Amino acid sequence: MKTMNKAAEYVAALCHMRGGELVPYDSERFIATTKDEAAAKAQKWAMTSVGAIVDKTWLHVTLDGTGVYSKELRGAVMPKAPKARSTPPT
């Protein structure tokens, strides 16, 4: 018998490593039904939160204070917005 996954609130945080500990500098709360869904939502949020990561940065996801996903984002460059045209199209 298949059981339904229950939705839960996860917290995604962008963190720097300081003194051997992850120190968050930005975070977002969201609802997901599985750890995989939470990781996917966290990655999508991280990609839209910052333009470029120049320091060692970690994406850390927790559920009820327990880490369920962590990934180092060192040197990741997020997509940039397209440049505005300087002259109108002809």
N, C-alpha and C. Protein backbone atom coordinates (compact mmCIF):
# COMPACT_ATOMS: atom_id res chain seq x y z
N MET A 1 0.84 -1.17 0.00
CA MET A 1 0.00 0.00 0.00
C MET A 1 0.89 1.24 0.00
N LYS A 2 0.61 2.17 -0.90
CA LYS A 2 1.39 3.40 -1.00
C LYS A 2 0.84 4.42 -0.01
N THR A 3 1.77 5.08 0.72
CA THR A 3 1.35 6.12 1.66
C THR A 3 1.64 7.48 1.05
N MET A 4 0.83 8.45 1.39
CA MET A 4 1.00 9.81 0.89
C MET A 4 2.04 10.53 1.73
N ASN A 5 2.90 11.29 1.07
CA ASN A 5 3.87 12.11 1.79
C ASN A 5 3.17 13.33 2.34
N LYS A 6 3.54 13.69 3.54
CA LYS A 6 2.94 14.85 4.19
C LYS A 6 3.84 16.06 3.96
N ALA A 7 3.24 17.17 3.60
CA ALA A 7 4.00 18.40 3.37
C ALA A 7 4.58 18.91 4.69
N ALA A 8 5.79 19.46 4.61
CA ALA A 8 6.46 20.00 5.78
C ALA A 8 7.18 21.29 5.40
N GLU A 9 7.48 22.11 6.41
CA GLU A 9 8.19 23.35 6.16
C GLU A 9 9.70 23.12 6.28
N TYR A 10 10.42 23.46 5.23
CA TYR A 10 11.87 23.36 5.19
C TYR A 10 12.45 24.76 5.19
N VAL A 11 13.70 24.87 5.62
CA VAL A 11 14.41 26.14 5.57
C VAL A 11 15.67 25.94 4.74
N ALA A 12 15.83 26.77 3.70
CA ALA A 12 17.04 26.78 2.89
C ALA A 12 17.86 27.99 3.29
N ALA A 13 19.16 27.82 3.45
CA ALA A 13 20.02 28.93 3.83
C ALA A 13 21.28 28.94 2.98
N LEU A 14 21.68 30.14 2.55
CA LEU A 14 22.98 30.32 1.94
C LEU A 14 23.93 30.66 3.08
N CYS A 15 25.03 29.95 3.17
CA CYS A 15 25.93 30.07 4.31
C CYS A 15 27.38 30.20 3.86
N HIS A 16 28.19 30.85 4.71
CA HIS A 16 29.64 30.86 4.57
C HIS A 16 30.20 30.00 5.69
N MET A 17 31.34 29.36 5.45
CA MET A 17 32.01 28.58 6.49
C MET A 17 32.89 29.53 7.28
N ARG A 18 32.61 29.64 8.56
CA ARG A 18 33.38 30.51 9.46
C ARG A 18 33.72 29.73 10.72
N GLY A 19 35.00 29.59 11.00
CA GLY A 19 35.43 28.87 12.20
C GLY A 19 34.94 27.44 12.25
N GLY A 20 34.83 26.80 11.08
CA GLY A 20 34.40 25.41 11.03
C GLY A 20 32.89 25.20 11.12
N GLU A 21 32.13 26.30 11.10
CA GLU A 21 30.67 26.20 11.18
C GLU A 21 30.03 26.95 10.02
N LEU A 22 28.86 26.48 9.58
CA LEU A 22 28.10 27.18 8.56
C LEU A 22 27.37 28.35 9.20
N VAL A 23 27.60 29.56 8.68
CA VAL A 23 26.98 30.77 9.19
C VAL A 23 26.07 31.32 8.09
N PRO A 24 24.74 31.28 8.30
CA PRO A 24 23.82 31.73 7.26
C PRO A 24 23.85 33.25 7.07
N TYR A 25 23.69 33.67 5.79
CA TYR A 25 23.56 35.10 5.51
C TYR A 25 22.29 35.41 4.74
N ASP A 26 21.57 34.40 4.26
CA ASP A 26 20.28 34.59 3.62
C ASP A 26 19.52 33.28 3.74
N SER A 27 18.21 33.35 3.91
CA SER A 27 17.42 32.12 4.05
C SER A 27 16.01 32.31 3.52
N GLU A 28 15.37 31.19 3.28
CA GLU A 28 14.00 31.17 2.76
C GLU A 28 13.29 29.93 3.30
N ARG A 29 12.02 30.08 3.66
CA ARG A 29 11.20 28.95 4.10
C ARG A 29 10.29 28.53 2.96
N PHE A 30 10.05 27.23 2.83
CA PHE A 30 9.14 26.74 1.80
C PHE A 30 8.58 25.39 2.19
N ILE A 31 7.51 25.00 1.52
CA ILE A 31 6.82 23.74 1.80
C ILE A 31 7.21 22.71 0.74
N ALA A 32 7.50 21.50 1.17
CA ALA A 32 7.81 20.38 0.27
C ALA A 32 7.31 19.09 0.91
N THR A 33 7.13 18.07 0.08
CA THR A 33 6.65 16.78 0.61
C THR A 33 7.76 15.75 0.76
N THR A 34 8.91 15.98 0.11
CA THR A 34 10.04 15.05 0.23
C THR A 34 11.35 15.84 0.34
N LYS A 35 12.40 15.17 0.79
CA LYS A 35 13.71 15.81 0.87
C LYS A 35 14.21 16.19 -0.52
N ASP A 36 13.94 15.33 -1.51
CA ASP A 36 14.36 15.62 -2.88
C ASP A 36 13.66 16.87 -3.42
N GLU A 37 12.37 16.99 -3.14
CA GLU A 37 11.63 18.17 -3.57
C GLU A 37 12.17 19.41 -2.85
N ALA A 38 12.48 19.27 -1.58
CA ALA A 38 13.03 20.39 -0.81
C ALA A 38 14.37 20.83 -1.39
N ALA A 39 15.23 19.87 -1.74
CA ALA A 39 16.54 20.20 -2.32
C ALA A 39 16.37 20.91 -3.65
N ALA A 40 15.43 20.45 -4.48
CA ALA A 40 15.20 21.07 -5.79
C ALA A 40 14.69 22.50 -5.63
N LYS A 41 13.76 22.72 -4.71
CA LYS A 41 13.23 24.07 -4.47
C LYS A 41 14.34 24.97 -3.91
N ALA A 42 15.18 24.44 -3.05
CA ALA A 42 16.27 25.22 -2.46
C ALA A 42 17.27 25.63 -3.54
N GLN A 43 17.59 24.72 -4.44
CA GLN A 43 18.53 25.04 -5.52
C GLN A 43 17.96 26.12 -6.43
N LYS A 44 16.68 26.01 -6.75
CA LYS A 44 16.03 27.01 -7.60
C LYS A 44 16.05 28.37 -6.90
N TRP A 45 15.73 28.41 -5.61
CA TRP A 45 15.76 29.65 -4.85
C TRP A 45 17.17 30.24 -4.84
N ALA A 46 18.18 29.41 -4.59
CA ALA A 46 19.57 29.89 -4.53
C ALA A 46 19.98 30.51 -5.86
N MET A 47 19.54 29.94 -6.97
CA MET A 47 19.90 30.45 -8.29
C MET A 47 19.29 31.83 -8.54
N THR A 48 18.19 32.14 -7.90
CA THR A 48 17.55 33.44 -8.11
C THR A 48 17.89 34.45 -7.01
N SER A 49 18.59 34.01 -5.97
CA SER A 49 18.88 34.88 -4.84
C SER A 49 20.10 35.75 -5.02
N VAL A 50 21.08 35.26 -5.73
CA VAL A 50 22.35 35.98 -5.87
C VAL A 50 22.80 35.99 -7.32
N GLY A 51 23.64 36.96 -7.68
CA GLY A 51 24.14 37.05 -9.05
C GLY A 51 25.39 36.23 -9.26
N ALA A 52 26.33 36.29 -8.32
CA ALA A 52 27.57 35.53 -8.44
C ALA A 52 28.06 35.16 -7.05
N ILE A 53 28.64 34.00 -6.95
CA ILE A 53 29.18 33.53 -5.67
C ILE A 53 30.69 33.55 -5.81
N VAL A 54 31.35 34.43 -5.06
CA VAL A 54 32.79 34.55 -5.17
C VAL A 54 33.51 33.90 -3.99
N ASP A 55 32.85 33.72 -2.90
CA ASP A 55 33.40 33.07 -1.72
C ASP A 55 32.90 31.64 -1.67
N LYS A 56 33.51 30.82 -0.83
CA LYS A 56 32.94 29.49 -0.61
C LYS A 56 31.58 29.67 0.04
N THR A 57 30.56 29.23 -0.64
CA THR A 57 29.19 29.36 -0.15
C THR A 57 28.54 27.99 -0.16
N TRP A 58 27.75 27.72 0.86
CA TRP A 58 27.04 26.46 0.97
C TRP A 58 25.54 26.72 0.93
N LEU A 59 24.82 25.81 0.28
CA LEU A 59 23.36 25.78 0.35
C LEU A 59 23.03 24.69 1.34
N HIS A 60 22.33 25.04 2.41
CA HIS A 60 22.03 24.10 3.49
C HIS A 60 20.53 24.09 3.72
N VAL A 61 19.91 22.91 3.69
CA VAL A 61 18.46 22.76 3.88
C VAL A 61 18.21 21.97 5.16
N THR A 62 17.29 22.50 5.98
CA THR A 62 16.96 21.82 7.23
C THR A 62 15.45 21.57 7.33
N LEU A 63 15.13 20.55 8.09
CA LEU A 63 13.75 20.22 8.46
C LEU A 63 13.74 20.01 9.95
N ASP A 64 12.98 20.83 10.66
CA ASP A 64 12.92 20.77 12.13
C ASP A 64 14.31 20.85 12.75
N GLY A 65 15.19 21.69 12.18
CA GLY A 65 16.52 21.90 12.73
C GLY A 65 17.56 20.86 12.35
N THR A 66 17.15 19.84 11.60
CA THR A 66 18.08 18.79 11.18
C THR A 66 18.43 18.97 9.71
N GLY A 67 19.72 18.94 9.40
CA GLY A 67 20.17 19.09 8.03
C GLY A 67 19.72 17.91 7.17
N VAL A 68 19.11 18.21 6.01
CA VAL A 68 18.67 17.16 5.10
C VAL A 68 19.38 17.25 3.75
N TYR A 69 20.08 18.38 3.49
CA TYR A 69 20.78 18.56 2.22
C TYR A 69 21.80 19.69 2.38
N SER A 70 23.00 19.47 1.86
CA SER A 70 24.03 20.51 1.83
C SER A 70 24.81 20.38 0.53
N LYS A 71 25.16 21.53 -0.05
CA LYS A 71 25.94 21.52 -1.28
C LYS A 71 26.81 22.76 -1.31
N GLU A 72 28.10 22.59 -1.64
CA GLU A 72 28.99 23.73 -1.79
C GLU A 72 28.75 24.36 -3.15
N LEU A 73 28.59 25.68 -3.18
CA LEU A 73 28.30 26.41 -4.41
C LEU A 73 29.50 27.24 -4.84
N ARG A 74 30.69 26.85 -4.48
CA ARG A 74 31.91 27.62 -4.73
C ARG A 74 32.07 27.97 -6.21
N GLY A 75 32.22 29.25 -6.46
CA GLY A 75 32.50 29.73 -7.80
C GLY A 75 31.34 29.65 -8.77
N ALA A 76 30.15 29.38 -8.28
CA ALA A 76 28.99 29.28 -9.17
C ALA A 76 28.64 30.68 -9.67
N VAL A 77 28.31 30.76 -10.93
CA VAL A 77 27.85 32.03 -11.50
C VAL A 77 26.41 31.85 -11.91
N MET A 78 25.57 32.69 -11.37
CA MET A 78 24.15 32.60 -11.65
C MET A 78 23.85 33.29 -12.98
N PRO A 79 22.79 32.90 -13.66
CA PRO A 79 22.45 33.54 -14.93
C PRO A 79 22.22 35.04 -14.76
N LYS A 80 22.70 35.81 -15.72
CA LYS A 80 22.52 37.26 -15.69
C LYS A 80 21.30 37.63 -16.51
N ALA A 81 20.72 38.78 -16.17
CA ALA A 81 19.60 39.30 -16.94
C ALA A 81 20.11 39.74 -18.30
N PRO A 82 19.32 39.59 -19.36
CA PRO A 82 19.78 40.03 -20.68
C PRO A 82 20.01 41.53 -20.71
N LYS A 83 21.01 41.95 -21.50
CA LYS A 83 21.32 43.37 -21.63
C LYS A 83 20.24 44.07 -22.44
N ALA A 84 19.99 45.32 -22.06
CA ALA A 84 19.03 46.14 -22.81
C ALA A 84 19.69 46.59 -24.12
N ARG A 85 18.90 46.69 -25.15
CA ARG A 85 19.43 47.13 -26.44
C ARG A 85 19.67 48.63 -26.40
N SER A 86 20.79 49.07 -26.97
CA SER A 86 21.10 50.51 -26.99
C SER A 86 20.42 51.23 -28.15
N THR A 87 20.09 50.50 -29.22
CA THR A 87 19.39 51.09 -30.35
C THR A 87 18.16 50.26 -30.65
N PRO A 88 17.11 50.90 -31.10
CA PRO A 88 15.89 50.14 -31.40
C PRO A 88 16.11 49.26 -32.63
N PRO A 89 15.42 48.11 -32.68
CA PRO A 89 15.56 47.23 -33.84
C PRO A 89 15.03 47.92 -35.10
N THR A 90 15.61 47.59 -36.24
CA THR A 90 15.18 48.19 -37.50
C THR A 90 14.28 47.29 -38.29
